[in-house]
Amino acid sequence: MKIIASSLCVLLLATLTVSAGEPQPLISKPGKLLLSEDFSGASMPAKWQPGGRAKSFSIVDGALQGVCAPDDSHGPAIAVPLEGHNLTIQFSVKFAKPGLVLFLVDGESQYGGTAHLLRVALGGKFAALQQDRGSLDSKKAQAAEKAAATKEGRKIAPPTKDQLADPKFYRTEMLDRKDATLADGQWHRVLVEICGNDATAQVDGVVLRAKGAVFDVQKARMFFLIGMSGTMLVDDVKVWENEPVKTAAQ
């Protein structure tokens, strides 16, 4: 049972970062608490919006469970709305069955509307930090071409130099990737920071750092996506607004 003794305790919890021995913020000072979810209820929290195949997400033993069917090439995703600019995000993840977990943050696109901005990919033996760039029209056109190629049994041609030189051409860019042992059936604490166009992600002492080109905008929502026939558990999700702090390198 979780008991909040007083309004003072509420304030302290709202400004808490992470406990000793866990990942500590590197480039930010967390401030106002925007989201806190421990999935302790019997049903899915109201603001969390599952997508993809039905019944892919459920609450199991006080955690969010996501299952990717073997024949699902995209994988199901679940989103929750966010309103903030610079964010510090903490969550725990466990691979009940090896696969792929994508954590994504969406925000304002320079081409209008909202789009994926930042991705943290967690696989059995790696962690990666990526960014999405380009217009939604380009993304839709590429999706249509991929569907047509699959139907016709042909391969899609790789992007040309001219396409990659076009800022509107949609692509996912690798910013940092390192080895990490995650598919061990244990819980792993993840800490993500976005300050302007600077971003970091930490898991098990592995630190990913990147200077992006699309992060410095208002954020709108975040996602967890499960892929590669995996089963994941997510728990203890917290999101704070943050203020950038100067590092020794600065």
C-alpha atoms as a PDB file:
ATOM      1  CA  MET A   1       0.000   0.000   0.000  1.00  0.00           C
ATOM      2  CA  LYS A   2       1.293   3.418  -0.975  1.00  0.00           C
ATOM      3  CA  ILE A   3       0.600   6.191   1.558  1.00  0.00           C
ATOM      4  CA  ILE A   4       1.361   9.875   1.121  1.00  0.00           C
ATOM      5  CA  ALA A   5       1.554  11.364   4.588  1.00  0.00           C
ATOM      6  CA  SER A   6       1.357  15.052   3.793  1.00  0.00           C
ATOM      7  CA  SER A   7       1.465  17.725   1.124  1.00  0.00           C
ATOM      8  CA  LEU A   8       5.165  18.178   1.971  1.00  0.00           C
ATOM      9  CA  CYS A   9       5.789  14.539   1.089  1.00  0.00           C
ATOM     10  CA  VAL A  10       4.031  15.068  -2.236  1.00  0.00           C
ATOM     11  CA  LEU A  11       6.386  17.960  -3.007  1.00  0.00           C
ATOM     12  CA  LEU A  12       9.438  15.909  -2.102  1.00  0.00           C
ATOM     13  CA  LEU A  13       8.323  13.034  -4.300  1.00  0.00           C
ATOM     14  CA  ALA A  14       7.698  15.392  -7.208  1.00  0.00           C
ATOM     15  CA  THR A  15      11.292  16.654  -7.125  1.00  0.00           C
ATOM     16  CA  LEU A  16      12.960  13.300  -6.436  1.00  0.00           C
ATOM     17  CA  THR A  17      15.332  12.069  -9.142  1.00  0.00           C
ATOM     18  CA  VAL A  18      16.784   8.594  -8.688  1.00  0.00           C
ATOM     19  CA  SER A  19      18.022   6.618  -5.709  1.00  0.00           C
ATOM     20  CA  ALA A  20      21.651   5.959  -4.875  1.00  0.00           C
ATOM     21  CA  GLY A  21      23.213   3.236  -7.015  1.00  0.00           C
ATOM     22  CA  GLU A  22      20.894   3.949  -9.952  1.00  0.00           C
ATOM     23  CA  PRO A  23      21.570   6.059 -13.069  1.00  0.00           C
ATOM     24  CA  GLN A  24      22.006   9.714 -12.178  1.00  0.00           C
ATOM     25  CA  PRO A  25      21.233  12.669 -14.486  1.00  0.00           C
ATOM     26  CA  LEU A  26      24.274  13.787 -16.464  1.00  0.00           C
ATOM     27  CA  ILE A  27      23.118  16.884 -18.345  1.00  0.00           C
ATOM     28  CA  SER A  28      19.940  17.947 -16.564  1.00  0.00           C
ATOM     29  CA  LYS A  29      18.437  18.938 -13.244  1.00  0.00           C
ATOM     30  CA  PRO A  30      14.940  17.394 -12.962  1.00  0.00           C
ATOM     31  CA  GLY A  31      12.205  19.768 -11.836  1.00  0.00           C
ATOM     32  CA  LYS A  32       8.430  19.494 -12.050  1.00  0.00           C
ATOM     33  CA  LEU A  33       7.101  15.935 -12.132  1.00  0.00           C
ATOM     34  CA  LEU A  34       4.929  15.480 -15.236  1.00  0.00           C
ATOM     35  CA  LEU A  35       4.141  11.767 -15.103  1.00  0.00           C
ATOM     36  CA  SER A  36       4.422   8.946 -12.556  1.00  0.00           C
ATOM     37  CA  GLU A  37       3.029   5.492 -13.245  1.00  0.00           C
ATOM     38  CA  ASP A  38       3.726   2.225 -11.404  1.00  0.00           C
ATOM     39  CA  PHE A  39       0.911   0.165 -12.991  1.00  0.00           C
ATOM     40  CA  SER A  40      -0.325  -0.920  -9.570  1.00  0.00           C
ATOM     41  CA  GLY A  41      -3.989  -0.823 -10.607  1.00  0.00           C
ATOM     42  CA  ALA A  42      -5.940  -3.804 -11.882  1.00  0.00           C
ATOM     43  CA  SER A  43      -6.586  -2.224 -15.293  1.00  0.00           C
ATOM     44  CA  MET A  44      -4.685  -0.186 -17.866  1.00  0.00           C
ATOM     45  CA  PRO A  45      -4.209   3.453 -16.773  1.00  0.00           C
ATOM     46  CA  ALA A  46      -6.697   5.703 -18.568  1.00  0.00           C
ATOM     47  CA  LYS A  47      -4.197   7.894 -20.437  1.00  0.00           C
ATOM     48  CA  TRP A  48      -2.175   4.989 -21.825  1.00  0.00           C
ATOM     49  CA  GLN A  49      -3.286   4.230 -25.392  1.00  0.00           C
ATOM     50  CA  PRO A  50      -2.427   0.790 -26.857  1.00  0.00           C
ATOM     51  CA  GLY A  51      -1.997   0.460 -30.616  1.00  0.00           C
ATOM     52  CA  GLY A  52      -1.411  -2.429 -32.972  1.00  0.00           C
ATOM     53  CA  ARG A  53      -2.832  -5.879 -32.404  1.00  0.00           C
ATOM     54  CA  ALA A  54      -5.562  -6.203 -29.807  1.00  0.00           C
ATOM     55  CA  LYS A  55      -4.666  -7.533 -26.359  1.00  0.00           C
ATOM     56  CA  SER A  56      -0.934  -6.999 -26.919  1.00  0.00           C
ATOM     57  CA  PHE A  57      -0.688  -4.993 -23.677  1.00  0.00           C
ATOM     58  CA  SER A  58      -1.910  -5.882 -20.199  1.00  0.00           C
ATOM     59  CA  ILE A  59      -1.123  -5.354 -16.526  1.00  0.00           C
ATOM     60  CA  VAL A  60       0.736  -8.349 -15.079  1.00  0.00           C
ATOM     61  CA  ASP A  61       1.976  -8.486 -11.463  1.00  0.00           C
ATOM     62  CA  GLY A  62       2.025  -4.696 -11.138  1.00  0.00           C
ATOM     63  CA  ALA A  63       3.852  -3.987 -14.404  1.00  0.00           C
ATOM     64  CA  LEU A  64       2.946  -3.183 -18.009  1.00  0.00           C
ATOM     65  CA  GLN A  65       3.428  -6.243 -20.225  1.00  0.00           C
ATOM     66  CA  GLY A  66       3.763  -6.009 -24.013  1.00  0.00           C
ATOM     67  CA  VAL A  67       3.813  -9.030 -26.324  1.00  0.00           C
ATOM     68  CA  CYS A  68       4.847  -9.043 -29.990  1.00  0.00           C
ATOM     69  CA  ALA A  69       3.357 -11.918 -32.019  1.00  0.00           C
ATOM     70  CA  PRO A  70       5.885 -13.876 -34.145  1.00  0.00           C
ATOM     71  CA  ASP A  71       4.133 -12.809 -37.373  1.00  0.00           C
ATOM     72  CA  ASP A  72       3.910  -9.111 -36.432  1.00  0.00           C
ATOM     73  CA  SER A  73       6.695  -7.390 -38.394  1.00  0.00           C
ATOM     74  CA  HIS A  74       5.980  -3.928 -36.933  1.00  0.00           C
ATOM     75  CA  GLY A  75       5.142  -4.699 -33.325  1.00  0.00           C
ATOM     76  CA  PRO A  76       2.516  -3.191 -31.006  1.00  0.00           C
ATOM     77  CA  ALA A  77       3.048   0.158 -29.293  1.00  0.00           C
ATOM     78  CA  ILE A  78       1.512   1.975 -26.366  1.00  0.00           C
ATOM     79  CA  ALA A  79       1.557   5.771 -25.995  1.00  0.00           C
ATOM     80  CA  VAL A  80       0.930   8.308 -23.261  1.00  0.00           C
ATOM     81  CA  PRO A  81       0.535  12.096 -23.804  1.00  0.00           C
ATOM     82  CA  LEU A  82       3.227  14.489 -22.575  1.00  0.00           C
ATOM     83  CA  GLU A  83       3.553  18.264 -22.491  1.00  0.00           C
ATOM     84  CA  GLY A  84       7.049  19.590 -22.002  1.00  0.00           C
ATOM     85  CA  HIS A  85      10.177  20.788 -23.778  1.00  0.00           C
ATOM     86  CA  ASN A  86      13.253  19.511 -21.933  1.00  0.00           C
ATOM     87  CA  LEU A  87      12.551  16.154 -20.301  1.00  0.00           C
ATOM     88  CA  THR A  88      14.188  13.648 -17.953  1.00  0.00           C
ATOM     89  CA  ILE A  89      12.588  10.203 -18.254  1.00  0.00           C
ATOM     90  CA  GLN A  90      13.096   7.164 -16.039  1.00  0.00           C
ATOM     91  CA  PHE A  91      11.688   3.652 -16.383  1.00  0.00           C
ATOM     92  CA  SER A  92      12.483   0.018 -15.627  1.00  0.00           C
ATOM     93  CA  VAL A  93      12.383  -2.664 -18.317  1.00  0.00           C
ATOM     94  CA  LYS A  94      12.628  -6.446 -18.243  1.00  0.00           C
ATOM     95  CA  PHE A  95      12.790  -8.888 -21.148  1.00  0.00           C
ATOM     96  CA  ALA A  96      10.492 -11.748 -20.187  1.00  0.00           C
ATOM     97  CA  LYS A  97      11.217 -13.117 -23.670  1.00  0.00           C
ATOM     98  CA  PRO A  98      14.110 -11.750 -25.802  1.00  0.00           C
ATOM     99  CA  GLY A  99      13.149  -9.272 -28.482  1.00  0.00           C
ATOM    100  CA  LEU A 100      13.394  -5.528 -29.058  1.00  0.00           C
ATOM    101  CA  VAL A 101      12.091  -2.596 -27.027  1.00  0.00           C
ATOM    102  CA  LEU A 102      11.828   0.820 -28.658  1.00  0.00           C
ATOM    103  CA  PHE A 103      11.244   3.856 -26.472  1.00  0.00           C
ATOM    104  CA  LEU A 104      10.167   6.854 -28.569  1.00  0.00           C
ATOM    105  CA  VAL A 105       9.479  10.528 -27.876  1.00  0.00           C
ATOM    106  CA  ASP A 106       7.265  12.508 -30.279  1.00  0.00           C
ATOM    107  CA  GLY A 107       7.080  16.250 -30.679  1.00  0.00           C
ATOM    108  CA  GLU A 108       6.569  19.142 -33.046  1.00  0.00           C
ATOM    109  CA  SER A 109       7.816  18.493 -36.580  1.00  0.00           C
ATOM    110  CA  GLN A 110       9.390  21.328 -38.545  1.00  0.00           C
ATOM    111  CA  TYR A 111       7.121  20.212 -41.384  1.00  0.00           C
ATOM    112  CA  GLY A 112       3.923  20.508 -39.353  1.00  0.00           C
ATOM    113  CA  GLY A 113       2.089  18.222 -36.935  1.00  0.00           C
ATOM    114  CA  THR A 114       3.881  15.805 -34.626  1.00  0.00           C
ATOM    115  CA  ALA A 115       6.399  13.107 -35.470  1.00  0.00           C
ATOM    116  CA  HIS A 116       8.855  10.693 -33.893  1.00  0.00           C
ATOM    117  CA  LEU A 117      11.949  12.580 -32.756  1.00  0.00           C
ATOM    118  CA  LEU A 118      14.054  10.426 -30.448  1.00  0.00           C
ATOM    119  CA  ARG A 119      14.370   6.643 -30.215  1.00  0.00           C
ATOM    120  CA  VAL A 120      16.127   4.532 -27.600  1.00  0.00           C
ATOM    121  CA  ALA A 121      16.433   0.975 -28.903  1.00  0.00           C
ATOM    122  CA  LEU A 122      17.116  -1.815 -26.391  1.00  0.00           C
ATOM    123  CA  GLY A 123      17.973  -5.270 -27.713  1.00  0.00           C
ATOM    124  CA  GLY A 124      19.369  -8.381 -26.115  1.00  0.00           C
ATOM    125  CA  LYS A 125      22.989  -7.298 -26.629  1.00  0.00           C
ATOM    126  CA  PHE A 126      22.894  -3.582 -27.427  1.00  0.00           C
ATOM    127  CA  ALA A 127      21.495  -0.153 -26.637  1.00  0.00           C
ATOM    128  CA  ALA A 128      21.178   2.609 -29.236  1.00  0.00           C
ATOM    129  CA  LEU A 129      20.169   6.254 -29.456  1.00  0.00           C
ATOM    130  CA  GLN A 130      18.597   7.426 -32.723  1.00  0.00           C
ATOM    131  CA  GLN A 131      16.732  10.352 -34.247  1.00  0.00           C
ATOM    132  CA  ASP A 132      14.022  10.538 -36.920  1.00  0.00           C
ATOM    133  CA  ARG A 133      14.241  13.271 -39.556  1.00  0.00           C
ATOM    134  CA  GLY A 134      12.123  14.257 -42.545  1.00  0.00           C
ATOM    135  CA  SER A 135       8.521  14.972 -43.421  1.00  0.00           C
ATOM    136  CA  LEU A 136       5.467  12.861 -42.666  1.00  0.00           C
ATOM    137  CA  ASP A 137       4.584  12.864 -46.394  1.00  0.00           C
ATOM    138  CA  SER A 138       7.947  11.262 -47.150  1.00  0.00           C
ATOM    139  CA  LYS A 139       7.408   8.691 -44.396  1.00  0.00           C
ATOM    140  CA  LYS A 140       3.976   7.773 -45.793  1.00  0.00           C
ATOM    141  CA  ALA A 141       5.359   7.505 -49.335  1.00  0.00           C
ATOM    142  CA  GLN A 142       8.128   5.180 -48.191  1.00  0.00           C
ATOM    143  CA  ALA A 143       5.641   3.037 -46.253  1.00  0.00           C
ATOM    144  CA  ALA A 144       3.482   2.721 -49.379  1.00  0.00           C
ATOM    145  CA  GLU A 145       6.517   1.758 -51.476  1.00  0.00           C
ATOM    146  CA  LYS A 146       7.555  -0.842 -48.894  1.00  0.00           C
ATOM    147  CA  ALA A 147       4.060  -2.377 -48.889  1.00  0.00           C
ATOM    148  CA  ALA A 148       4.042  -2.508 -52.697  1.00  0.00           C
ATOM    149  CA  ALA A 149       7.508  -4.087 -52.798  1.00  0.00           C
ATOM    150  CA  THR A 150       6.498  -6.734 -50.251  1.00  0.00           C
ATOM    151  CA  LYS A 151       3.387  -7.575 -52.258  1.00  0.00           C
ATOM    152  CA  GLU A 152       5.395  -7.836 -55.484  1.00  0.00           C
ATOM    153  CA  GLY A 153       8.209  -9.825 -53.882  1.00  0.00           C
ATOM    154  CA  ARG A 154      10.971  -7.331 -54.650  1.00  0.00           C
ATOM    155  CA  LYS A 155      13.551  -5.470 -52.586  1.00  0.00           C
ATOM    156  CA  ILE A 156      13.446  -1.743 -51.954  1.00  0.00           C
ATOM    157  CA  ALA A 157      16.348   0.225 -53.403  1.00  0.00           C
ATOM    158  CA  PRO A 158      18.575   1.916 -50.788  1.00  0.00           C
ATOM    159  CA  PRO A 159      18.324   5.723 -50.457  1.00  0.00           C
ATOM    160  CA  THR A 160      20.283   7.699 -53.029  1.00  0.00           C
ATOM    161  CA  LYS A 161      22.717  10.505 -52.204  1.00  0.00           C
ATOM    162  CA  ASP A 162      20.207  13.035 -53.519  1.00  0.00           C
ATOM    163  CA  GLN A 163      17.463  11.613 -51.274  1.00  0.00           C
ATOM    164  CA  LEU A 164      19.677  11.707 -48.193  1.00  0.00           C
ATOM    165  CA  ALA A 165      20.703  15.283 -49.030  1.00  0.00           C
ATOM    166  CA  ASP A 166      17.030  16.308 -49.006  1.00  0.00           C
ATOM    167  CA  PRO A 167      16.041  17.361 -45.450  1.00  0.00           C
ATOM    168  CA  LYS A 168      12.447  16.314 -46.171  1.00  0.00           C
ATOM    169  CA  PHE A 169      13.435  12.710 -46.972  1.00  0.00           C
ATOM    170  CA  TYR A 170      12.360  10.634 -43.980  1.00  0.00           C
ATOM    171  CA  ARG A 171      15.064   8.571 -42.309  1.00  0.00           C
ATOM    172  CA  THR A 172      16.110   7.186 -38.926  1.00  0.00           C
ATOM    173  CA  GLU A 173      19.693   8.087 -38.071  1.00  0.00           C
ATOM    174  CA  MET A 174      21.943   6.223 -35.645  1.00  0.00           C
ATOM    175  CA  LEU A 175      23.539   8.668 -33.198  1.00  0.00           C
ATOM    176  CA  ASP A 176      25.169   6.285 -30.703  1.00  0.00           C
ATOM    177  CA  ARG A 177      25.193   2.525 -30.146  1.00  0.00           C
ATOM    178  CA  LYS A 178      26.985   0.370 -27.571  1.00  0.00           C
ATOM    179  CA  ASP A 179      27.060  -3.210 -26.343  1.00  0.00           C
ATOM    180  CA  ALA A 180      24.717  -3.983 -23.429  1.00  0.00           C
ATOM    181  CA  THR A 181      23.534  -7.294 -21.972  1.00  0.00           C
ATOM    182  CA  LEU A 182      19.816  -6.861 -21.384  1.00  0.00           C
ATOM    183  CA  ALA A 183      17.993 -10.091 -22.255  1.00  0.00           C
ATOM    184  CA  ASP A 184      18.885 -11.783 -18.971  1.00  0.00           C
ATOM    185  CA  GLY A 185      15.428 -11.869 -17.394  1.00  0.00           C
ATOM    186  CA  GLN A 186      16.376  -9.145 -14.890  1.00  0.00           C
ATOM    187  CA  TRP A 187      15.045  -5.634 -14.364  1.00  0.00           C
ATOM    188  CA  HIS A 188      17.119  -2.811 -15.887  1.00  0.00           C
ATOM    189  CA  ARG A 189      16.759   0.873 -14.989  1.00  0.00           C
ATOM    190  CA  VAL A 190      16.856   3.315 -17.912  1.00  0.00           C
ATOM    191  CA  LEU A 191      17.356   7.077 -17.671  1.00  0.00           C
ATOM    192  CA  VAL A 192      16.867   9.342 -20.712  1.00  0.00           C
ATOM    193  CA  GLU A 193      17.586  13.076 -20.799  1.00  0.00           C
ATOM    194  CA  ILE A 194      16.653  15.578 -23.507  1.00  0.00           C
ATOM    195  CA  CYS A 195      18.007  19.127 -23.149  1.00  0.00           C
ATOM    196  CA  GLY A 196      17.641  21.209 -26.267  1.00  0.00           C
ATOM    197  CA  ASN A 197      19.275  19.101 -28.980  1.00  0.00           C
ATOM    198  CA  ASP A 198      21.470  17.232 -26.482  1.00  0.00           C
ATOM    199  CA  ALA A 199      20.354  13.759 -25.407  1.00  0.00           C
ATOM    200  CA  THR A 200      21.664  10.955 -23.228  1.00  0.00           C
ATOM    201  CA  ALA A 201      20.444   7.474 -22.361  1.00  0.00           C
ATOM    202  CA  GLN A 202      21.819   5.272 -19.581  1.00  0.00           C
ATOM    203  CA  VAL A 203      21.279   1.590 -18.792  1.00  0.00           C
ATOM    204  CA  ASP A 204      23.460  -0.675 -16.641  1.00  0.00           C
ATOM    205  CA  GLY A 205      26.372   1.773 -16.694  1.00  0.00           C
ATOM    206  CA  VAL A 206      26.250   2.072 -20.487  1.00  0.00           C
ATOM    207  CA  VAL A 207      26.011   5.741 -21.460  1.00  0.00           C
ATOM    208  CA  LEU A 208      24.791   6.907 -24.862  1.00  0.00           C
ATOM    209  CA  ARG A 209      25.299  10.547 -25.829  1.00  0.00           C
ATOM    210  CA  ALA A 210      24.183  12.479 -28.881  1.00  0.00           C
ATOM    211  CA  LYS A 211      23.779  15.914 -30.403  1.00  0.00           C
ATOM    212  CA  GLY A 212      20.570  15.746 -32.411  1.00  0.00           C
ATOM    213  CA  ALA A 213      18.964  18.072 -34.920  1.00  0.00           C
ATOM    214  CA  VAL A 214      15.243  17.726 -34.088  1.00  0.00           C
ATOM    215  CA  PHE A 215      14.980  17.399 -30.289  1.00  0.00           C
ATOM    216  CA  ASP A 216      14.751  21.090 -29.321  1.00  0.00           C
ATOM    217  CA  VAL A 217      10.964  21.396 -29.679  1.00  0.00           C
ATOM    218  CA  GLN A 218       7.815  20.947 -27.611  1.00  0.00           C
ATOM    219  CA  LYS A 219       7.147  17.266 -26.894  1.00  0.00           C
ATOM    220  CA  ALA A 220       3.710  15.677 -27.297  1.00  0.00           C
ATOM    221  CA  ARG A 221       3.817  12.014 -26.260  1.00  0.00           C
ATOM    222  CA  MET A 222       6.035   9.000 -25.654  1.00  0.00           C
ATOM    223  CA  PHE A 223       5.773   5.378 -26.724  1.00  0.00           C
ATOM    224  CA  PHE A 224       6.937   1.910 -25.810  1.00  0.00           C
ATOM    225  CA  LEU A 225       7.056  -0.472 -28.773  1.00  0.00           C
ATOM    226  CA  ILE A 226       7.847  -4.183 -28.560  1.00  0.00           C
ATOM    227  CA  GLY A 227       9.255  -6.046 -31.565  1.00  0.00           C
ATOM    228  CA  MET A 228      11.082  -9.139 -32.813  1.00  0.00           C
ATOM    229  CA  SER A 229       8.654 -11.594 -31.169  1.00  0.00           C
ATOM    230  CA  GLY A 230       9.622 -10.393 -27.699  1.00  0.00           C
ATOM    231  CA  THR A 231       7.746  -9.990 -24.437  1.00  0.00           C
ATOM    232  CA  MET A 232       8.630  -6.995 -22.279  1.00  0.00           C
ATOM    233  CA  LEU A 233       7.688  -5.666 -18.864  1.00  0.00           C
ATOM    234  CA  VAL A 234       7.843  -1.936 -18.079  1.00  0.00           C
ATOM    235  CA  ASP A 235       7.432  -0.370 -14.638  1.00  0.00           C
ATOM    236  CA  ASP A 236       8.133   2.713 -12.522  1.00  0.00           C
ATOM    237  CA  VAL A 237       7.784   5.270 -15.321  1.00  0.00           C
ATOM    238  CA  LYS A 238       8.521   8.871 -14.319  1.00  0.00           C
ATOM    239  CA  VAL A 239       8.928  12.018 -16.400  1.00  0.00           C
ATOM    240  CA  TRP A 240      10.162  15.418 -15.216  1.00  0.00           C
ATOM    241  CA  GLU A 241      10.657  18.768 -16.852  1.00  0.00           C
ATOM    242  CA  ASN A 242      14.313  19.654 -16.548  1.00  0.00           C
ATOM    243  CA  GLU A 243      16.860  22.416 -16.734  1.00  0.00           C
ATOM    244  CA  PRO A 244      20.195  21.850 -18.527  1.00  0.00           C
ATOM    245  CA  VAL A 245      23.311  21.783 -16.363  1.00  0.00           C
ATOM    246  CA  LYS A 246      26.836  22.521 -17.487  1.00  0.00           C
ATOM    247  CA  THR A 247      29.185  19.560 -17.707  1.00  0.00           C
ATOM    248  CA  ALA A 248      32.986  19.485 -17.425  1.00  0.00           C
ATOM    249  CA  ALA A 249      33.178  19.246 -21.221  1.00  0.00           C
ATOM    250  CA  GLN A 250      31.295  22.532 -21.523  1.00  0.00           C
END
